[in-house]
Amino acid sequence: MNYIQAFLTEEDGATALEYGLLAALIAAVIIGAVQTLGNVVSTTFNTIAANMTAAS
């Protein structure tokens, strides 16, 4: 019975789980930011290329 109570009150596993969830959340935010930034950069380069073609 004491073993079960000690298992339920142990917090080491919860800490590892929290770090894992935090790392996954950070990775998701980074992926979203990179995709958004990539679209903006792509649009900018396409606009510059079109303007250079029109100017020549």
PDB file of N, CA and C in Angstrom:
ATOM      1  N   MET A   1       0.817  -1.188   0.000  1.00  0.00           N
ATOM      2  CA  MET A   1       0.000   0.000   0.000  1.00  0.00           C
ATOM      3  C   MET A   1       0.868   1.261   0.000  1.00  0.00           C
ATOM      4  N   ASN A   2       1.938   1.255   0.772  1.00  0.00           N
ATOM      5  CA  ASN A   2       2.831   2.409   0.809  1.00  0.00           C
ATOM      6  C   ASN A   2       3.500   2.632  -0.539  1.00  0.00           C
ATOM      7  N   TYR A   3       3.769   1.537  -1.265  1.00  0.00           N
ATOM      8  CA  TYR A   3       4.392   1.638  -2.595  1.00  0.00           C
ATOM      9  C   TYR A   3       3.468   2.391  -3.553  1.00  0.00           C
ATOM     10  N   ILE A   4       2.187   2.093  -3.516  1.00  0.00           N
ATOM     11  CA  ILE A   4       1.213   2.754  -4.398  1.00  0.00           C
ATOM     12  C   ILE A   4       1.104   4.236  -4.038  1.00  0.00           C
ATOM     13  N   GLN A   5       1.072   4.539  -2.767  1.00  0.00           N
ATOM     14  CA  GLN A   5       0.982   5.930  -2.329  1.00  0.00           C
ATOM     15  C   GLN A   5       2.232   6.701  -2.738  1.00  0.00           C
ATOM     16  N   ALA A   6       3.394   6.092  -2.600  1.00  0.00           N
ATOM     17  CA  ALA A   6       4.636   6.750  -3.006  1.00  0.00           C
ATOM     18  C   ALA A   6       4.659   6.968  -4.515  1.00  0.00           C
ATOM     19  N   PHE A   7       4.157   6.016  -5.285  1.00  0.00           N
ATOM     20  CA  PHE A   7       4.104   6.149  -6.740  1.00  0.00           C
ATOM     21  C   PHE A   7       3.191   7.307  -7.154  1.00  0.00           C
ATOM     22  N   LEU A   8       2.061   7.442  -6.485  1.00  0.00           N
ATOM     23  CA  LEU A   8       1.103   8.492  -6.842  1.00  0.00           C
ATOM     24  C   LEU A   8       1.587   9.884  -6.452  1.00  0.00           C
ATOM     25  N   THR A   9       2.407   9.990  -5.428  1.00  0.00           N
ATOM     26  CA  THR A   9       2.884  11.301  -4.983  1.00  0.00           C
ATOM     27  C   THR A   9       4.226  11.684  -5.595  1.00  0.00           C
ATOM     28  N   GLU A  10       4.858  10.774  -6.327  1.00  0.00           N
ATOM     29  CA  GLU A  10       6.152  11.063  -6.949  1.00  0.00           C
ATOM     30  C   GLU A  10       5.967  12.086  -8.067  1.00  0.00           C
ATOM     31  N   GLU A  11       6.850  13.087  -8.121  1.00  0.00           N
ATOM     32  CA  GLU A  11       6.714  14.163  -9.094  1.00  0.00           C
ATOM     33  C   GLU A  11       7.806  14.166 -10.153  1.00  0.00           C
ATOM     34  N   ASP A  12       8.726  13.234 -10.140  1.00  0.00           N
ATOM     35  CA  ASP A  12       9.818  13.217 -11.110  1.00  0.00           C
ATOM     36  C   ASP A  12       9.301  12.996 -12.528  1.00  0.00           C
ATOM     37  N   GLY A  13       8.388  12.097 -12.707  1.00  0.00           N
ATOM     38  CA  GLY A  13       7.832  11.820 -14.025  1.00  0.00           C
ATOM     39  C   GLY A  13       7.053  13.004 -14.578  1.00  0.00           C
ATOM     40  N   ALA A  14       6.363  13.704 -13.715  1.00  0.00           N
ATOM     41  CA  ALA A  14       5.595  14.873 -14.155  1.00  0.00           C
ATOM     42  C   ALA A  14       6.522  15.965 -14.668  1.00  0.00           C
ATOM     43  N   THR A  15       7.670  16.113 -14.049  1.00  0.00           N
ATOM     44  CA  THR A  15       8.625  17.120 -14.487  1.00  0.00           C
ATOM     45  C   THR A  15       9.135  16.799 -15.883  1.00  0.00           C
ATOM     46  N   ALA A  16       9.472  15.557 -16.148  1.00  0.00           N
ATOM     47  CA  ALA A  16       9.953  15.161 -17.461  1.00  0.00           C
ATOM     48  C   ALA A  16       8.863  15.353 -18.512  1.00  0.00           C
ATOM     49  N   LEU A  17       7.651  15.053 -18.166  1.00  0.00           N
ATOM     50  CA  LEU A  17       6.525  15.234 -19.072  1.00  0.00           C
ATOM     51  C   LEU A  17       6.312  16.716 -19.375  1.00  0.00           C
ATOM     52  N   GLU A  18       6.430  17.539 -18.372  1.00  0.00           N
ATOM     53  CA  GLU A  18       6.272  18.977 -18.576  1.00  0.00           C
ATOM     54  C   GLU A  18       7.353  19.520 -19.503  1.00  0.00           C
ATOM     55  N   TYR A  19       8.588  19.077 -19.328  1.00  0.00           N
ATOM     56  CA  TYR A  19       9.665  19.522 -20.218  1.00  0.00           C
ATOM     57  C   TYR A  19       9.405  19.058 -21.649  1.00  0.00           C
ATOM     58  N   GLY A  20       8.896  17.870 -21.811  1.00  0.00           N
ATOM     59  CA  GLY A  20       8.581  17.358 -23.145  1.00  0.00           C
ATOM     60  C   GLY A  20       7.489  18.166 -23.818  1.00  0.00           C
ATOM     61  N   LEU A  21       6.444  18.494 -23.078  1.00  0.00           N
ATOM     62  CA  LEU A  21       5.358  19.319 -23.625  1.00  0.00           C
ATOM     63  C   LEU A  21       5.849  20.723 -23.965  1.00  0.00           C
ATOM     64  N   LEU A  22       6.690  21.275 -23.130  1.00  0.00           N
ATOM     65  CA  LEU A  22       7.242  22.600 -23.384  1.00  0.00           C
ATOM     66  C   LEU A  22       8.104  22.601 -24.641  1.00  0.00           C
ATOM     67  N   ALA A  23       8.924  21.575 -24.818  1.00  0.00           N
ATOM     68  CA  ALA A  23       9.761  21.469 -26.013  1.00  0.00           C
ATOM     69  C   ALA A  23       8.905  21.318 -27.262  1.00  0.00           C
ATOM     70  N   ALA A  24       7.826  20.557 -27.196  1.00  0.00           N
ATOM     71  CA  ALA A  24       6.932  20.395 -28.343  1.00  0.00           C
ATOM     72  C   ALA A  24       6.236  21.708 -28.685  1.00  0.00           C
ATOM     73  N   LEU A  25       5.829  22.453 -27.692  1.00  0.00           N
ATOM     74  CA  LEU A  25       5.184  23.744 -27.922  1.00  0.00           C
ATOM     75  C   LEU A  25       6.154  24.733 -28.563  1.00  0.00           C
ATOM     76  N   ILE A  26       7.371  24.770 -28.073  1.00  0.00           N
ATOM     77  CA  ILE A  26       8.385  25.666 -28.649  1.00  0.00           C
ATOM     78  C   ILE A  26       8.666  25.283 -30.095  1.00  0.00           C
ATOM     79  N   ALA A  27       8.768  23.986 -30.371  1.00  0.00           N
ATOM     80  CA  ALA A  27       9.014  23.528 -31.740  1.00  0.00           C
ATOM     81  C   ALA A  27       7.866  23.924 -32.655  1.00  0.00           C
ATOM     82  N   ALA A  28       6.637  23.809 -32.197  1.00  0.00           N
ATOM     83  CA  ALA A  28       5.478  24.188 -33.011  1.00  0.00           C
ATOM     84  C   ALA A  28       5.488  25.682 -33.320  1.00  0.00           C
ATOM     85  N   VAL A  29       5.842  26.495 -32.351  1.00  0.00           N
ATOM     86  CA  VAL A  29       5.911  27.941 -32.564  1.00  0.00           C
ATOM     87  C   VAL A  29       7.011  28.282 -33.563  1.00  0.00           C
ATOM     88  N   ILE A  30       8.159  27.631 -33.439  1.00  0.00           N
ATOM     89  CA  ILE A  30       9.265  27.887 -34.368  1.00  0.00           C
ATOM     90  C   ILE A  30       8.874  27.491 -35.782  1.00  0.00           C
ATOM     91  N   ILE A  31       8.241  26.345 -35.946  1.00  0.00           N
ATOM     92  CA  ILE A  31       7.827  25.885 -37.274  1.00  0.00           C
ATOM     93  C   ILE A  31       6.831  26.870 -37.878  1.00  0.00           C
ATOM     94  N   GLY A  32       5.881  27.326 -37.108  1.00  0.00           N
ATOM     95  CA  GLY A  32       4.906  28.301 -37.601  1.00  0.00           C
ATOM     96  C   GLY A  32       5.561  29.613 -38.006  1.00  0.00           C
ATOM     97  N   ALA A  33       6.505  30.084 -37.207  1.00  0.00           N
ATOM     98  CA  ALA A  33       7.191  31.339 -37.519  1.00  0.00           C
ATOM     99  C   ALA A  33       8.032  31.210 -38.782  1.00  0.00           C
ATOM    100  N   VAL A  34       8.713  30.093 -38.938  1.00  0.00           N
ATOM    101  CA  VAL A  34       9.552  29.890 -40.118  1.00  0.00           C
ATOM    102  C   VAL A  34       8.698  29.801 -41.373  1.00  0.00           C
ATOM    103  N   GLN A  35       7.563  29.128 -41.305  1.00  0.00           N
ATOM    104  CA  GLN A  35       6.687  29.039 -42.464  1.00  0.00           C
ATOM    105  C   GLN A  35       6.147  30.414 -42.846  1.00  0.00           C
ATOM    106  N   THR A  36       5.715  31.187 -41.869  1.00  0.00           N
ATOM    107  CA  THR A  36       5.200  32.529 -42.139  1.00  0.00           C
ATOM    108  C   THR A  36       6.292  33.423 -42.710  1.00  0.00           C
ATOM    109  N   LEU A  37       7.456  33.393 -42.096  1.00  0.00           N
ATOM    110  CA  LEU A  37       8.570  34.202 -42.571  1.00  0.00           C
ATOM    111  C   LEU A  37       8.992  33.774 -43.974  1.00  0.00           C
ATOM    112  N   GLY A  38       8.972  32.481 -44.256  1.00  0.00           N
ATOM    113  CA  GLY A  38       9.313  31.983 -45.578  1.00  0.00           C
ATOM    114  C   GLY A  38       8.359  32.497 -46.635  1.00  0.00           C
ATOM    115  N   ASN A  39       7.073  32.549 -46.334  1.00  0.00           N
ATOM    116  CA  ASN A  39       6.096  33.074 -47.282  1.00  0.00           C
ATOM    117  C   ASN A  39       6.313  34.563 -47.542  1.00  0.00           C
ATOM    118  N   VAL A  40       6.628  35.308 -46.506  1.00  0.00           N
ATOM    119  CA  VAL A  40       6.863  36.748 -46.659  1.00  0.00           C
ATOM    120  C   VAL A  40       8.106  36.989 -47.503  1.00  0.00           C
ATOM    121  N   VAL A  41       9.170  36.269 -47.244  1.00  0.00           N
ATOM    122  CA  VAL A  41      10.407  36.431 -48.003  1.00  0.00           C
ATOM    123  C   VAL A  41      10.194  36.029 -49.456  1.00  0.00           C
ATOM    124  N   SER A  42       9.483  34.956 -49.674  1.00  0.00           N
ATOM    125  CA  SER A  42       9.201  34.511 -51.038  1.00  0.00           C
ATOM    126  C   SER A  42       8.412  35.561 -51.808  1.00  0.00           C
ATOM    127  N   THR A  43       7.403  36.131 -51.185  1.00  0.00           N
ATOM    128  CA  THR A  43       6.607  37.183 -51.828  1.00  0.00           C
ATOM    129  C   THR A  43       7.466  38.405 -52.138  1.00  0.00           C
ATOM    130  N   THR A  44       8.339  38.768 -51.213  1.00  0.00           N
ATOM    131  CA  THR A  44       9.215  39.915 -51.426  1.00  0.00           C
ATOM    132  C   THR A  44      10.140  39.685 -52.614  1.00  0.00           C
ATOM    133  N   PHE A  45      10.776  38.516 -52.683  1.00  0.00           N
ATOM    134  CA  PHE A  45      11.679  38.230 -53.798  1.00  0.00           C
ATOM    135  C   PHE A  45      10.926  38.165 -55.125  1.00  0.00           C
ATOM    136  N   ASN A  46       9.724  37.622 -55.128  1.00  0.00           N
ATOM    137  CA  ASN A  46       8.933  37.582 -56.354  1.00  0.00           C
ATOM    138  C   ASN A  46       8.569  38.992 -56.821  1.00  0.00           C
ATOM    139  N   THR A  47       8.246  39.874 -55.889  1.00  0.00           N
ATOM    140  CA  THR A  47       7.939  41.264 -56.240  1.00  0.00           C
ATOM    141  C   THR A  47       9.168  41.962 -56.817  1.00  0.00           C
ATOM    142  N   ILE A  48      10.312  41.767 -56.200  1.00  0.00           N
ATOM    143  CA  ILE A  48      11.557  42.368 -56.693  1.00  0.00           C
ATOM    144  C   ILE A  48      11.877  41.844 -58.088  1.00  0.00           C
ATOM    145  N   ALA A  49      11.749  40.545 -58.292  1.00  0.00           N
ATOM    146  CA  ALA A  49      12.037  39.953 -59.611  1.00  0.00           C
ATOM    147  C   ALA A  49      11.097  40.487 -60.670  1.00  0.00           C
ATOM    148  N   ALA A  50       9.828  40.647 -60.347  1.00  0.00           N
ATOM    149  CA  ALA A  50       8.857  41.174 -61.314  1.00  0.00           C
ATOM    150  C   ALA A  50       9.181  42.632 -61.652  1.00  0.00           C
ATOM    151  N   ASN A  51       9.571  43.418 -60.662  1.00  0.00           N
ATOM    152  CA  ASN A  51       9.911  44.817 -60.895  1.00  0.00           C
ATOM    153  C   ASN A  51      11.190  44.947 -61.725  1.00  0.00           C
ATOM    154  N   MET A  52      12.149  44.067 -61.487  1.00  0.00           N
ATOM    155  CA  MET A  52      13.379  44.102 -62.275  1.00  0.00           C
ATOM    156  C   MET A  52      13.114  43.711 -63.715  1.00  0.00           C
ATOM    157  N   THR A  53      12.236  42.746 -63.927  1.00  0.00           N
ATOM    158  CA  THR A  53      11.876  42.333 -65.293  1.00  0.00           C
ATOM    159  C   THR A  53      11.136  43.440 -66.008  1.00  0.00           C
ATOM    160  N   ALA A  54      10.242  44.121 -65.319  1.00  0.00           N
ATOM    161  CA  ALA A  54       9.479  45.222 -65.906  1.00  0.00           C
ATOM    162  C   ALA A  54      10.375  46.416 -66.210  1.00  0.00           C
ATOM    163  N   ALA A  55      11.416  46.631 -65.415  1.00  0.00           N
ATOM    164  CA  ALA A  55      12.305  47.776 -65.610  1.00  0.00           C
ATOM    165  C   ALA A  55      13.266  47.561 -66.788  1.00  0.00           C
ATOM    166  N   SER A  56      13.546  46.316 -67.127  1.00  0.00           N
ATOM    167  CA  SER A  56      14.517  46.080 -68.201  1.00  0.00           C
ATOM    168  C   SER A  56      13.890  45.973 -69.521  1.00  0.00           C
TER     169      SER A  56
END
